[in-house]
Amino acid sequence: HNPVISEFYHRLLAAGKNKMTAIVAAMQKLLTILNAMLAKNQSWIPNYS
């Protein structure tokens, strides 16, 4: 499991979002990251600043 996406998902749940909304938001975030990785030809950097 990806700790960055997992933390994001649990933060949304704690903020009162329903489970499906949090799942879709996490999937969208992961797809956005993957798309940027492919476009820039970079590998995953979990603590990118």
PDB file of N, CA and C in Angstrom:
ATOM      1  N   HIS A   1       0.828  -1.186   0.000  1.00  0.00           N
ATOM      2  CA  HIS A   1       0.000   0.000   0.000  1.00  0.00           C
ATOM      3  C   HIS A   1       0.870   1.247   0.000  1.00  0.00           C
ATOM      4  N   ASN A   2       0.346   2.260  -0.628  1.00  0.00           N
ATOM      5  CA  ASN A   2       1.075   3.518  -0.732  1.00  0.00           C
ATOM      6  C   ASN A   2       0.765   4.368   0.504  1.00  0.00           C
ATOM      7  N   PRO A   3       1.759   4.696   1.328  1.00  0.00           N
ATOM      8  CA  PRO A   3       1.488   5.456   2.550  1.00  0.00           C
ATOM      9  C   PRO A   3       0.982   6.874   2.293  1.00  0.00           C
ATOM     10  N   VAL A   4       1.405   7.502   1.212  1.00  0.00           N
ATOM     11  CA  VAL A   4       0.958   8.865   0.895  1.00  0.00           C
ATOM     12  C   VAL A   4      -0.531   8.865   0.552  1.00  0.00           C
ATOM     13  N   ILE A   5      -0.943   7.951  -0.309  1.00  0.00           N
ATOM     14  CA  ILE A   5      -2.353   7.868  -0.708  1.00  0.00           C
ATOM     15  C   ILE A   5      -3.210   7.388   0.463  1.00  0.00           C
ATOM     16  N   SER A   6      -2.690   6.448   1.242  1.00  0.00           N
ATOM     17  CA  SER A   6      -3.420   5.950   2.408  1.00  0.00           C
ATOM     18  C   SER A   6      -3.675   7.068   3.419  1.00  0.00           C
ATOM     19  N   GLU A   7      -2.664   7.875   3.676  1.00  0.00           N
ATOM     20  CA  GLU A   7      -2.818   9.003   4.599  1.00  0.00           C
ATOM     21  C   GLU A   7      -3.866   9.990   4.078  1.00  0.00           C
ATOM     22  N   PHE A   8      -3.834  10.272   2.784  1.00  0.00           N
ATOM     23  CA  PHE A   8      -4.808  11.166   2.156  1.00  0.00           C
ATOM     24  C   PHE A   8      -6.227  10.612   2.326  1.00  0.00           C
ATOM     25  N   TYR A   9      -6.388   9.315   2.060  1.00  0.00           N
ATOM     26  CA  TYR A   9      -7.683   8.644   2.178  1.00  0.00           C
ATOM     27  C   TYR A   9      -8.214   8.735   3.617  1.00  0.00           C
ATOM     28  N   HIS A  10      -7.379   8.415   4.584  1.00  0.00           N
ATOM     29  CA  HIS A  10      -7.815   8.444   5.985  1.00  0.00           C
ATOM     30  C   HIS A  10      -8.091   9.869   6.463  1.00  0.00           C
ATOM     31  N   ARG A  11      -7.363  10.833   5.935  1.00  0.00           N
ATOM     32  CA  ARG A  11      -7.628  12.235   6.270  1.00  0.00           C
ATOM     33  C   ARG A  11      -9.013  12.654   5.768  1.00  0.00           C
ATOM     34  N   LEU A  12      -9.384  12.197   4.569  1.00  0.00           N
ATOM     35  CA  LEU A  12     -10.710  12.512   4.035  1.00  0.00           C
ATOM     36  C   LEU A  12     -11.807  11.870   4.879  1.00  0.00           C
ATOM     37  N   LEU A  13     -11.584  10.616   5.286  1.00  0.00           N
ATOM     38  CA  LEU A  13     -12.569   9.946   6.139  1.00  0.00           C
ATOM     39  C   LEU A  13     -12.723  10.681   7.470  1.00  0.00           C
ATOM     40  N   ALA A  14     -11.613  11.113   8.043  1.00  0.00           N
ATOM     41  CA  ALA A  14     -11.657  11.838   9.316  1.00  0.00           C
ATOM     42  C   ALA A  14     -12.365  13.184   9.175  1.00  0.00           C
ATOM     43  N   ALA A  15     -12.323  13.747   7.964  1.00  0.00           N
ATOM     44  CA  ALA A  15     -12.985  15.032   7.714  1.00  0.00           C
ATOM     45  C   ALA A  15     -14.480  14.864   7.460  1.00  0.00           C
ATOM     46  N   GLY A  16     -14.963  13.605   7.481  1.00  0.00           N
ATOM     47  CA  GLY A  16     -16.391  13.370   7.341  1.00  0.00           C
ATOM     48  C   GLY A  16     -16.858  12.968   5.956  1.00  0.00           C
ATOM     49  N   LYS A  17     -15.931  12.753   5.029  1.00  0.00           N
ATOM     50  CA  LYS A  17     -16.322  12.308   3.682  1.00  0.00           C
ATOM     51  C   LYS A  17     -16.764  10.854   3.765  1.00  0.00           C
ATOM     52  N   ASN A  18     -17.706  10.469   2.899  1.00  0.00           N
ATOM     53  CA  ASN A  18     -18.100   9.066   2.913  1.00  0.00           C
ATOM     54  C   ASN A  18     -17.035   8.220   2.225  1.00  0.00           C
ATOM     55  N   LYS A  19     -17.110   6.917   2.446  1.00  0.00           N
ATOM     56  CA  LYS A  19     -16.050   6.010   2.000  1.00  0.00           C
ATOM     57  C   LYS A  19     -15.836   6.058   0.488  1.00  0.00           C
ATOM     58  N   MET A  20     -16.901   6.043  -0.284  1.00  0.00           N
ATOM     59  CA  MET A  20     -16.764   6.015  -1.742  1.00  0.00           C
ATOM     60  C   MET A  20     -16.167   7.324  -2.268  1.00  0.00           C
ATOM     61  N   THR A  21     -16.547   8.445  -1.689  1.00  0.00           N
ATOM     62  CA  THR A  21     -15.972   9.731  -2.088  1.00  0.00           C
ATOM     63  C   THR A  21     -14.473   9.751  -1.817  1.00  0.00           C
ATOM     64  N   ALA A  22     -14.068   9.225  -0.671  1.00  0.00           N
ATOM     65  CA  ALA A  22     -12.647   9.176  -0.320  1.00  0.00           C
ATOM     66  C   ALA A  22     -11.879   8.250  -1.257  1.00  0.00           C
ATOM     67  N   ILE A  23     -12.468   7.120  -1.623  1.00  0.00           N
ATOM     68  CA  ILE A  23     -11.821   6.181  -2.548  1.00  0.00           C
ATOM     69  C   ILE A  23     -11.624   6.827  -3.909  1.00  0.00           C
ATOM     70  N   VAL A  24     -12.654   7.477  -4.418  1.00  0.00           N
ATOM     71  CA  VAL A  24     -12.567   8.116  -5.737  1.00  0.00           C
ATOM     72  C   VAL A  24     -11.539   9.245  -5.712  1.00  0.00           C
ATOM     73  N   ALA A  25     -11.514  10.030  -4.651  1.00  0.00           N
ATOM     74  CA  ALA A  25     -10.533  11.115  -4.545  1.00  0.00           C
ATOM     75  C   ALA A  25      -9.111  10.559  -4.492  1.00  0.00           C
ATOM     76  N   ALA A  26      -8.916   9.466  -3.766  1.00  0.00           N
ATOM     77  CA  ALA A  26      -7.589   8.842  -3.682  1.00  0.00           C
ATOM     78  C   ALA A  26      -7.172   8.276  -5.038  1.00  0.00           C
ATOM     79  N   MET A  27      -8.112   7.654  -5.745  1.00  0.00           N
ATOM     80  CA  MET A  27      -7.802   7.127  -7.084  1.00  0.00           C
ATOM     81  C   MET A  27      -7.426   8.259  -8.023  1.00  0.00           C
ATOM     82  N   GLN A  28      -8.165   9.355  -7.972  1.00  0.00           N
ATOM     83  CA  GLN A  28      -7.876  10.497  -8.835  1.00  0.00           C
ATOM     84  C   GLN A  28      -6.497  11.079  -8.520  1.00  0.00           C
ATOM     85  N   LYS A  29      -6.158  11.179  -7.240  1.00  0.00           N
ATOM     86  CA  LYS A  29      -4.845  11.690  -6.840  1.00  0.00           C
ATOM     87  C   LYS A  29      -3.739  10.768  -7.355  1.00  0.00           C
ATOM     88  N   LEU A  30      -3.926   9.456  -7.215  1.00  0.00           N
ATOM     89  CA  LEU A  30      -2.927   8.499  -7.679  1.00  0.00           C
ATOM     90  C   LEU A  30      -2.764   8.561  -9.194  1.00  0.00           C
ATOM     91  N   LEU A  31      -3.863   8.657  -9.927  1.00  0.00           N
ATOM     92  CA  LEU A  31      -3.785   8.755 -11.384  1.00  0.00           C
ATOM     93  C   LEU A  31      -3.099  10.043 -11.827  1.00  0.00           C
ATOM     94  N   THR A  32      -3.339  11.136 -11.126  1.00  0.00           N
ATOM     95  CA  THR A  32      -2.675  12.401 -11.442  1.00  0.00           C
ATOM     96  C   THR A  32      -1.169  12.286 -11.229  1.00  0.00           C
ATOM     97  N   ILE A  33      -0.779  11.650 -10.126  1.00  0.00           N
ATOM     98  CA  ILE A  33       0.647  11.441  -9.849  1.00  0.00           C
ATOM     99  C   ILE A  33       1.274  10.551 -10.915  1.00  0.00           C
ATOM    100  N   LEU A  34       0.598   9.446 -11.258  1.00  0.00           N
ATOM    101  CA  LEU A  34       1.123   8.528 -12.269  1.00  0.00           C
ATOM    102  C   LEU A  34       1.245   9.200 -13.629  1.00  0.00           C
ATOM    103  N   ASN A  35       0.273  10.005 -13.991  1.00  0.00           N
ATOM    104  CA  ASN A  35       0.319  10.718 -15.265  1.00  0.00           C
ATOM    105  C   ASN A  35       1.520  11.668 -15.311  1.00  0.00           C
ATOM    106  N   ALA A  36       1.759  12.386 -14.228  1.00  0.00           N
ATOM    107  CA  ALA A  36       2.909  13.294 -14.166  1.00  0.00           C
ATOM    108  C   ALA A  36       4.220  12.519 -14.224  1.00  0.00           C
ATOM    109  N   MET A  37       4.263  11.365 -13.563  1.00  0.00           N
ATOM    110  CA  MET A  37       5.470  10.532 -13.595  1.00  0.00           C
ATOM    111  C   MET A  37       5.776  10.081 -15.017  1.00  0.00           C
ATOM    112  N   LEU A  38       4.755   9.669 -15.738  1.00  0.00           N
ATOM    113  CA  LEU A  38       4.952   9.228 -17.121  1.00  0.00           C
ATOM    114  C   LEU A  38       5.366  10.388 -18.018  1.00  0.00           C
ATOM    115  N   ALA A  39       4.730  11.525 -17.849  1.00  0.00           N
ATOM    116  CA  ALA A  39       5.030  12.684 -18.689  1.00  0.00           C
ATOM    117  C   ALA A  39       6.460  13.182 -18.477  1.00  0.00           C
ATOM    118  N   LYS A  40       6.941  13.112 -17.233  1.00  0.00           N
ATOM    119  CA  LYS A  40       8.280  13.611 -16.907  1.00  0.00           C
ATOM    120  C   LYS A  40       9.333  12.509 -16.887  1.00  0.00           C
ATOM    121  N   ASN A  41       8.897  11.269 -17.125  1.00  0.00           N
ATOM    122  CA  ASN A  41       9.793  10.108 -17.119  1.00  0.00           C
ATOM    123  C   ASN A  41      10.574  10.031 -15.803  1.00  0.00           C
ATOM    124  N   GLN A  42       9.840  10.135 -14.688  1.00  0.00           N
ATOM    125  CA  GLN A  42      10.449  10.090 -13.360  1.00  0.00           C
ATOM    126  C   GLN A  42       9.907   8.902 -12.583  1.00  0.00           C
ATOM    127  N   SER A  43      10.655   8.467 -11.596  1.00  0.00           N
ATOM    128  CA  SER A  43      10.172   7.423 -10.709  1.00  0.00           C
ATOM    129  C   SER A  43       9.492   8.066  -9.498  1.00  0.00           C
ATOM    130  N   TRP A  44       8.855   7.239  -8.688  1.00  0.00           N
ATOM    131  CA  TRP A  44       8.087   7.699  -7.538  1.00  0.00           C
ATOM    132  C   TRP A  44       9.014   8.284  -6.478  1.00  0.00           C
ATOM    133  N   ILE A  45       8.699   9.499  -6.010  1.00  0.00           N
ATOM    134  CA  ILE A  45       9.423  10.146  -4.913  1.00  0.00           C
ATOM    135  C   ILE A  45       8.373  10.476  -3.848  1.00  0.00           C
ATOM    136  N   PRO A  46       8.204   9.615  -2.824  1.00  0.00           N
ATOM    137  CA  PRO A  46       7.094   9.786  -1.886  1.00  0.00           C
ATOM    138  C   PRO A  46       7.127  11.067  -1.065  1.00  0.00           C
ATOM    139  N   ASN A  47       8.290  11.582  -0.715  1.00  0.00           N
ATOM    140  CA  ASN A  47       8.371  12.788   0.124  1.00  0.00           C
ATOM    141  C   ASN A  47       8.881  13.972  -0.669  1.00  0.00           C
ATOM    142  N   TYR A  48       8.379  14.131  -1.883  1.00  0.00           N
ATOM    143  CA  TYR A  48       8.808  15.222  -2.752  1.00  0.00           C
ATOM    144  C   TYR A  48       8.402  16.557  -2.151  1.00  0.00           C
ATOM    145  N   SER A  49       9.305  17.508  -2.102  1.00  0.00           N
ATOM    146  CA  SER A  49       9.002  18.830  -1.540  1.00  0.00           C
ATOM    147  C   SER A  49       9.021  19.874  -2.619  1.00  0.00           C
TER     148      SER A  49
END
